[in-house]
């Protein structure tokens, strides 16, 4: 509870009634989200708001509302998910500029939906891909690592910056042992490449993807298929890189040719390699960070942009691992 002496009341006015209505949301749902997240009270009177609560929270609410209003004035719609992301961003850094994040259009997909960063880490990631030839995106599932890399690849192809897209990932955990699986090679590897196809289909129409794949402009293949090749003038994405061995990672990284860009994504907490086998991604993190031209971007559970439960699930597993470590330490004495 906040003592009465510590309660602050702030009046915010938004002159353009149409923009104010968009800001407030249908049935004031955007205001309700902010009020609940920051534990403040927000009352409306026309296009004016009265925000009441702890001074720090009231100030933060005003910052969020004013910045979202400025974005709406730029004719960029604000959705409830944007409000959720805005709360997270400005709670972490009150000096952040939401326009820099939300107004940065990476790509417009086949459904005419604008793909933009949702948080500061995604914005850093996108800028890194624009400015570096090789980028590592490391962090938990749901942070947009692969999806944004795919959007950047399609944009690069559309603008003629590269002539082809190559998408790859380790076909099978623990060394790509495909022999025991039923079917021909294509049928064996398809389940492991399906997440890449899914992201690609969200960017482009099926017919266009099929035509580009037939012409070799887009290639989706298991990592083993990269051996012995030199990949020039290509945008290359290596997904699930935590499941590469040291040898596989070295092989992949040395395939990069002239006028190419490579993005390597993975979650080093979810390595599925056999016990005793070191992850090529972990090794890269330890030895390549000081090389000019290579950029590492690290995501955390706070950057997850899926359902809110995903963040809580990740936190629960982190707590479990911490308890296991502490139990081992206690048992060692």
Protein backbone atom coordinates (compact mmCIF):
# COMPACT_ATOMS: atom_id res chain seq x y z
CA UNK A 1 0.00 0.00 0.00
CA UNK A 2 1.12 3.54 -0.77
CA UNK A 3 0.79 6.04 2.03
CA UNK A 4 -1.41 9.03 1.16
CA UNK A 5 1.54 11.39 1.55
CA UNK A 6 3.38 9.42 -1.13
CA UNK A 7 0.58 9.44 -3.69
CA UNK A 8 1.06 11.57 -6.78
CA UNK A 9 -1.65 12.71 -9.16
CA UNK A 10 -0.79 13.63 -12.75
CA UNK A 11 -3.07 15.10 -15.41
CA UNK A 12 -2.32 14.19 -19.03
CA UNK A 13 -4.11 15.77 -21.97
CA UNK A 14 -4.09 14.44 -25.54
CA UNK A 15 -5.44 17.14 -27.92
CA UNK A 16 -6.41 14.99 -30.92
CA UNK A 17 -9.48 13.06 -29.81
CA UNK A 18 -9.14 10.42 -32.57
CA UNK A 19 -5.55 9.70 -31.62
CA UNK A 20 -6.48 9.73 -27.93
CA UNK A 21 -9.14 7.06 -28.55
CA UNK A 22 -6.57 4.87 -30.30
CA UNK A 23 -4.19 5.39 -27.39
CA UNK A 24 -6.81 4.46 -24.79
CA UNK A 25 -7.80 1.35 -26.76
CA UNK A 26 -11.15 -0.35 -27.19
CA UNK A 27 -13.06 -0.08 -23.93
CA UNK A 28 -9.91 1.57 -22.49
CA UNK A 29 -8.07 -1.77 -22.57
CA UNK A 30 -4.68 -0.12 -23.16
CA UNK A 31 -5.16 2.06 -20.11
CA UNK A 32 -6.24 -0.94 -18.07
CA UNK A 33 -3.07 -2.80 -19.08
CA UNK A 34 -0.87 0.09 -17.97
CA UNK A 35 -2.81 0.60 -14.73
CA UNK A 36 -2.57 -3.09 -13.82
CA UNK A 37 1.12 -3.43 -14.73
CA UNK A 38 2.21 -0.31 -12.82
CA UNK A 39 -0.35 -0.49 -10.01
CA UNK A 40 -1.68 2.99 -10.67
CA UNK A 41 -5.20 4.34 -11.09
CA UNK A 42 -6.13 5.91 -14.44
CA UNK A 43 -9.38 7.83 -14.82
CA UNK A 44 -10.59 9.32 -18.08
CA UNK A 45 -12.47 12.52 -18.78
CA UNK A 46 -12.81 13.04 -22.51
CA UNK A 47 -9.30 13.15 -23.91
CA UNK A 48 -7.77 13.87 -20.49
CA UNK A 49 -6.38 11.30 -18.06
CA UNK A 50 -5.82 11.49 -14.34
CA UNK A 51 -3.06 9.08 -13.27
CA UNK A 52 -2.73 8.47 -9.54
CA UNK A 53 -0.34 6.34 -7.48
CA UNK A 54 3.28 6.01 -6.44
CA UNK A 55 5.27 8.96 -7.89
CA UNK A 56 7.72 6.72 -9.76
CA UNK A 57 4.92 4.64 -11.29
CA UNK A 58 2.88 7.70 -12.19
CA UNK A 59 5.87 9.22 -13.95
CA UNK A 60 6.49 5.96 -15.82
CA UNK A 61 2.84 5.73 -16.88
CA UNK A 62 3.01 9.28 -18.24
CA UNK A 63 6.17 8.46 -20.15
CA UNK A 64 4.58 5.38 -21.71
CA UNK A 65 1.37 7.20 -22.66
CA UNK A 66 3.10 10.26 -24.12
CA UNK A 67 5.49 8.17 -26.22
CA UNK A 68 2.73 5.90 -27.53
CA UNK A 69 0.65 8.96 -28.40
CA UNK A 70 3.57 10.38 -30.39
CA UNK A 71 3.80 7.11 -32.33
CA UNK A 72 0.06 7.13 -33.09
CA UNK A 73 0.40 10.69 -34.41
CA UNK A 74 2.88 9.31 -36.95
CA UNK A 75 -0.03 7.18 -38.30
CA UNK A 76 1.47 3.98 -36.87
CA UNK A 77 -1.27 2.00 -35.08
CA UNK A 78 -0.64 0.83 -31.53
CA UNK A 79 -1.93 -2.59 -30.52
CA UNK A 80 -2.27 -4.11 -27.04
CA UNK A 81 0.90 -6.13 -27.64
CA UNK A 82 2.72 -2.86 -28.35
CA UNK A 83 1.50 -1.47 -25.04
CA UNK A 84 2.82 -4.57 -23.28
CA UNK A 85 6.20 -4.18 -24.99
CA UNK A 86 6.27 -0.44 -24.21
CA UNK A 87 5.72 -1.13 -20.52
CA UNK A 88 8.63 -3.59 -20.48
CA UNK A 89 10.98 -1.33 -22.46
CA UNK A 90 10.44 1.84 -20.44
CA UNK A 91 10.36 -0.03 -17.14
CA UNK A 92 13.87 -1.25 -17.96
CA UNK A 93 15.10 2.08 -19.35
CA UNK A 94 12.99 5.20 -18.90
CA UNK A 95 15.23 7.08 -21.37
CA UNK A 96 14.46 4.69 -24.23
CA UNK A 97 12.78 6.14 -27.30
CA UNK A 98 9.87 3.96 -28.39
CA UNK A 99 9.87 5.55 -31.85
CA UNK A 100 13.36 4.19 -32.49
CA UNK A 101 12.07 0.70 -31.76
CA UNK A 102 8.49 0.54 -33.04
CA UNK A 103 8.99 2.76 -36.11
CA UNK A 104 11.92 0.71 -37.41
CA UNK A 105 10.33 -1.32 -40.20
CA UNK A 106 12.37 -4.41 -40.93
CA UNK A 107 10.06 -5.87 -43.54
CA UNK A 108 6.41 -5.99 -44.63
CA UNK A 109 5.39 -9.62 -45.04
CA UNK A 110 3.04 -11.26 -47.55
CA UNK A 111 0.09 -10.51 -45.28
CA UNK A 112 0.97 -6.79 -45.42
CA UNK A 113 1.94 -6.95 -41.77
CA UNK A 114 4.81 -4.73 -40.68
CA UNK A 115 7.62 -6.60 -38.96
CA UNK A 116 9.36 -4.39 -36.40
CA UNK A 117 11.45 -4.89 -33.27
CA UNK A 118 9.45 -5.34 -30.09
CA UNK A 119 12.12 -4.43 -27.54
CA UNK A 120 15.56 -2.90 -27.18
CA UNK A 121 17.36 -6.22 -27.61
CA UNK A 122 15.57 -6.88 -30.89
CA UNK A 123 16.43 -3.37 -32.07
CA UNK A 124 20.11 -3.97 -31.17
CA UNK A 125 19.96 -7.30 -33.02
CA UNK A 126 18.51 -5.76 -36.18
CA UNK A 127 21.06 -2.95 -36.20
CA UNK A 128 23.84 -5.51 -35.68
CA UNK A 129 22.67 -7.49 -38.73
CA UNK A 130 22.59 -4.32 -40.80
CA UNK A 131 26.08 -3.28 -39.79
CA UNK A 132 28.04 -6.54 -39.45
CA UNK A 133 28.84 -9.42 -41.78
CA UNK A 134 28.45 -12.02 -39.05
CA UNK A 135 26.03 -11.83 -36.11
CA UNK A 136 25.36 -14.29 -33.30
CA UNK A 137 21.94 -14.09 -31.64
CA UNK A 138 22.03 -16.05 -28.40
CA UNK A 139 19.14 -16.44 -25.99
CA UNK A 140 16.00 -18.40 -25.06
CA UNK A 141 13.21 -19.44 -27.39
CA UNK A 142 10.58 -16.84 -28.16
CA UNK A 143 12.92 -13.85 -28.39
CA UNK A 144 12.56 -13.52 -32.18
CA UNK A 145 16.12 -14.47 -33.09
CA UNK A 146 15.32 -16.64 -36.09
CA UNK A 147 12.18 -14.79 -37.17
CA UNK A 148 13.89 -11.40 -37.37
CA UNK A 149 16.92 -12.90 -39.11
CA UNK A 150 14.54 -14.39 -41.68
CA UNK A 151 12.85 -11.04 -42.20
CA UNK A 152 16.23 -9.37 -42.71
CA UNK A 153 17.21 -12.11 -45.20
CA UNK A 154 14.05 -11.69 -47.27
CA UNK A 155 14.48 -7.91 -47.22
CA UNK A 156 18.10 -8.29 -48.34
CA UNK A 157 17.01 -10.48 -51.26
CA UNK A 158 14.14 -8.15 -52.22
CA UNK A 159 16.45 -5.12 -52.28
CA UNK A 160 19.14 -6.94 -54.27
CA UNK A 161 21.73 -6.77 -51.51
CA UNK A 162 22.26 -10.52 -51.82
CA UNK A 163 21.29 -12.91 -54.60
CA UNK A 164 20.19 -15.88 -52.52
CA UNK A 165 19.10 -17.06 -49.07
CA UNK A 166 20.53 -20.15 -47.44
CA UNK A 167 18.78 -21.51 -44.34
CA UNK A 168 20.37 -24.32 -42.39
CA UNK A 169 20.34 -26.07 -39.05
CA UNK A 170 21.72 -29.30 -37.55
CA UNK A 171 19.38 -31.93 -38.99
CA UNK A 172 19.38 -34.17 -35.94
CA UNK A 173 20.53 -33.61 -32.39
CA UNK A 174 23.72 -35.43 -31.44
CA UNK A 175 25.47 -35.54 -34.77
CA UNK A 176 22.90 -35.67 -37.59
CA UNK A 177 22.44 -39.46 -37.51
CA UNK A 178 19.68 -39.72 -40.11
CA UNK A 179 19.97 -43.40 -40.96
CA UNK A 180 17.46 -44.79 -38.46
CA UNK A 181 14.64 -42.52 -39.66
CA UNK A 182 12.09 -43.86 -42.22
CA UNK A 183 11.76 -42.45 -45.75
CA UNK A 184 14.13 -40.89 -48.25
CA UNK A 185 16.61 -38.14 -47.36
CA UNK A 186 14.14 -35.30 -48.00
CA UNK A 187 11.52 -36.96 -45.79
CA UNK A 188 14.08 -37.60 -43.06
CA UNK A 189 15.36 -34.03 -42.80
CA UNK A 190 12.06 -32.21 -43.35
CA UNK A 191 10.87 -32.31 -39.69
CA UNK A 192 14.12 -30.69 -38.54
CA UNK A 193 13.89 -27.90 -41.11
CA UNK A 194 10.16 -27.27 -40.68
CA UNK A 195 10.56 -24.28 -38.29
CA UNK A 196 12.59 -22.50 -40.98
CA UNK A 197 9.90 -23.18 -43.59
CA UNK A 198 7.24 -21.89 -41.19
CA UNK A 199 9.04 -18.59 -40.69
CA UNK A 200 9.69 -18.26 -44.41
CA UNK A 201 6.03 -18.84 -45.26
CA UNK A 202 5.08 -15.98 -42.97
CA UNK A 203 7.25 -13.65 -45.05
CA UNK A 204 6.32 -14.68 -48.61
CA UNK A 205 3.55 -16.35 -50.58
CA UNK A 206 3.82 -20.11 -51.02
CA UNK A 207 3.95 -19.88 -54.82
CA UNK A 208 6.81 -17.40 -54.74
CA UNK A 209 8.78 -19.48 -52.24
CA UNK A 210 8.34 -22.59 -54.42
CA UNK A 211 9.56 -20.75 -57.52
CA UNK A 212 12.58 -19.31 -55.73
CA UNK A 213 13.49 -22.69 -54.27
CA UNK A 214 13.22 -24.38 -57.67
CA UNK A 215 15.58 -21.74 -59.09
CA UNK A 216 18.03 -22.16 -56.21
CA UNK A 217 17.50 -18.62 -54.95
CA UNK A 218 16.28 -19.96 -51.61
CA UNK A 219 17.87 -23.09 -50.19
CA UNK A 220 16.84 -24.89 -47.01
CA UNK A 221 19.23 -27.67 -46.10
CA UNK A 222 20.76 -29.48 -43.13
CA UNK A 223 24.12 -28.25 -41.92
CA UNK A 224 25.95 -31.29 -43.30
CA UNK A 225 25.14 -30.07 -46.83
CA UNK A 226 27.32 -26.99 -46.31
CA UNK A 227 30.56 -28.98 -46.22
CA UNK A 228 33.00 -28.23 -49.03
CA UNK A 229 31.08 -25.21 -50.33
CA UNK A 230 31.93 -21.51 -50.56
CA UNK A 231 28.83 -19.36 -50.03
CA UNK A 232 29.21 -16.08 -51.94
CA UNK A 233 26.64 -13.27 -52.29
CA UNK A 234 24.26 -14.97 -49.87
CA UNK A 235 22.35 -14.28 -46.68
CA UNK A 236 22.93 -17.36 -44.55
CA UNK A 237 21.09 -18.29 -41.35
CA UNK A 238 22.29 -21.10 -39.10
CA UNK A 239 19.51 -21.91 -36.66
CA UNK A 240 19.68 -24.05 -33.48
CA UNK A 241 23.45 -23.54 -33.51
CA UNK A 242 23.77 -24.78 -29.93
CA UNK A 243 23.45 -28.28 -31.39
CA UNK A 244 26.54 -27.97 -33.57
CA UNK A 245 29.78 -29.58 -32.51
CA UNK A 246 32.99 -27.57 -32.53
CA UNK A 247 33.97 -29.16 -35.86
CA UNK A 248 30.59 -28.46 -37.46
CA UNK A 249 30.63 -24.83 -36.37
CA UNK A 250 34.16 -24.30 -37.69
CA UNK A 251 33.13 -25.90 -40.97
CA UNK A 252 30.12 -23.60 -41.28
CA UNK A 253 31.91 -20.38 -40.37
CA UNK A 254 34.65 -21.03 -42.91
CA UNK A 255 32.08 -21.45 -45.71
CA UNK A 256 31.28 -17.72 -45.72
CA UNK A 257 32.33 -16.11 -49.01
CA UNK A 258 32.46 -12.61 -50.48
CA UNK A 259 29.45 -10.27 -50.24
CA UNK A 260 27.73 -12.63 -47.81
CA UNK A 261 26.12 -12.10 -44.43
CA UNK A 262 25.70 -14.80 -41.80
CA UNK A 263 23.40 -14.89 -38.77
CA UNK A 264 23.87 -17.68 -36.25
CA UNK A 265 21.14 -18.23 -33.67
CA UNK A 266 20.79 -20.54 -30.70
CA UNK A 267 20.06 -21.06 -27.04
CA UNK A 268 23.10 -22.30 -25.13
CA UNK A 269 20.89 -23.45 -22.24
CA UNK A 270 19.10 -25.96 -24.50
CA UNK A 271 22.00 -27.95 -25.94
CA UNK A 272 20.95 -31.46 -27.00
CA UNK A 273 24.41 -32.80 -27.79
CA UNK A 274 25.60 -36.02 -26.09
CA UNK A 275 27.15 -35.69 -22.67
CA UNK A 276 30.79 -34.73 -22.98
CA UNK A 277 30.38 -33.10 -26.41
CA UNK A 278 31.02 -29.36 -26.34
CA UNK A 279 28.71 -26.99 -28.23
CA UNK A 280 30.21 -25.11 -31.15
CA UNK A 281 28.07 -22.11 -30.24
CA UNK A 282 29.41 -21.99 -26.68
CA UNK A 283 32.94 -22.21 -28.05
CA UNK A 284 32.28 -19.33 -30.47
CA UNK A 285 30.98 -17.21 -27.62
CA UNK A 286 34.26 -17.75 -25.81
CA UNK A 287 36.72 -17.17 -28.66
CA UNK A 288 35.18 -14.88 -31.31
CA UNK A 289 33.77 -11.89 -29.43
CA UNK A 290 36.85 -9.72 -29.95
CA UNK A 291 37.02 -10.16 -33.72
CA UNK A 292 36.12 -7.03 -35.69
CA UNK A 293 33.17 -7.59 -38.01
CA UNK A 294 31.55 -10.15 -35.72
CA UNK A 295 28.80 -9.06 -33.34
CA UNK A 296 27.20 -11.01 -30.49
CA UNK A 297 23.72 -10.04 -29.26
CA UNK A 298 22.47 -11.70 -26.09
CA UNK A 299 18.78 -12.07 -25.25
CA UNK A 300 17.28 -12.92 -21.86
CA UNK A 301 13.93 -14.23 -20.67
CA UNK A 302 12.80 -10.59 -20.37
CA UNK A 303 13.05 -10.33 -24.18
CA UNK A 304 10.58 -13.16 -24.84
CA UNK A 305 7.80 -11.87 -27.09
CA UNK A 306 5.55 -14.90 -26.97
CA UNK A 307 2.77 -15.53 -24.47
CA UNK A 308 3.53 -14.12 -21.01
CA UNK A 309 3.54 -17.68 -19.63
CA UNK A 310 6.70 -18.43 -21.65
CA UNK A 311 8.69 -15.97 -19.52
CA UNK A 312 7.35 -17.54 -16.34
CA UNK A 313 8.14 -21.05 -17.59
CA UNK A 314 11.72 -20.06 -18.44
CA UNK A 315 12.10 -18.48 -15.00
CA UNK A 316 10.75 -21.63 -13.34
CA UNK A 317 13.31 -23.80 -15.13
CA UNK A 318 16.12 -21.37 -14.28
CA UNK A 319 15.12 -21.59 -10.62
CA UNK A 320 15.08 -25.38 -10.86
CA UNK A 321 18.60 -25.46 -12.32
CA UNK A 322 19.80 -23.12 -9.59
CA UNK A 323 18.35 -25.38 -6.90
CA UNK A 324 20.04 -28.41 -8.50
CA UNK A 325 23.40 -26.63 -8.53
CA UNK A 326 23.03 -25.59 -4.90
CA UNK A 327 22.08 -29.14 -3.92
CA UNK A 328 25.18 -30.52 -5.66
CA UNK A 329 27.39 -27.96 -3.91
CA UNK A 330 25.90 -28.80 -0.53
CA UNK A 331 26.37 -32.51 -1.18
CA UNK A 332 30.05 -31.94 -2.00
CA UNK A 333 30.96 -30.73 1.47
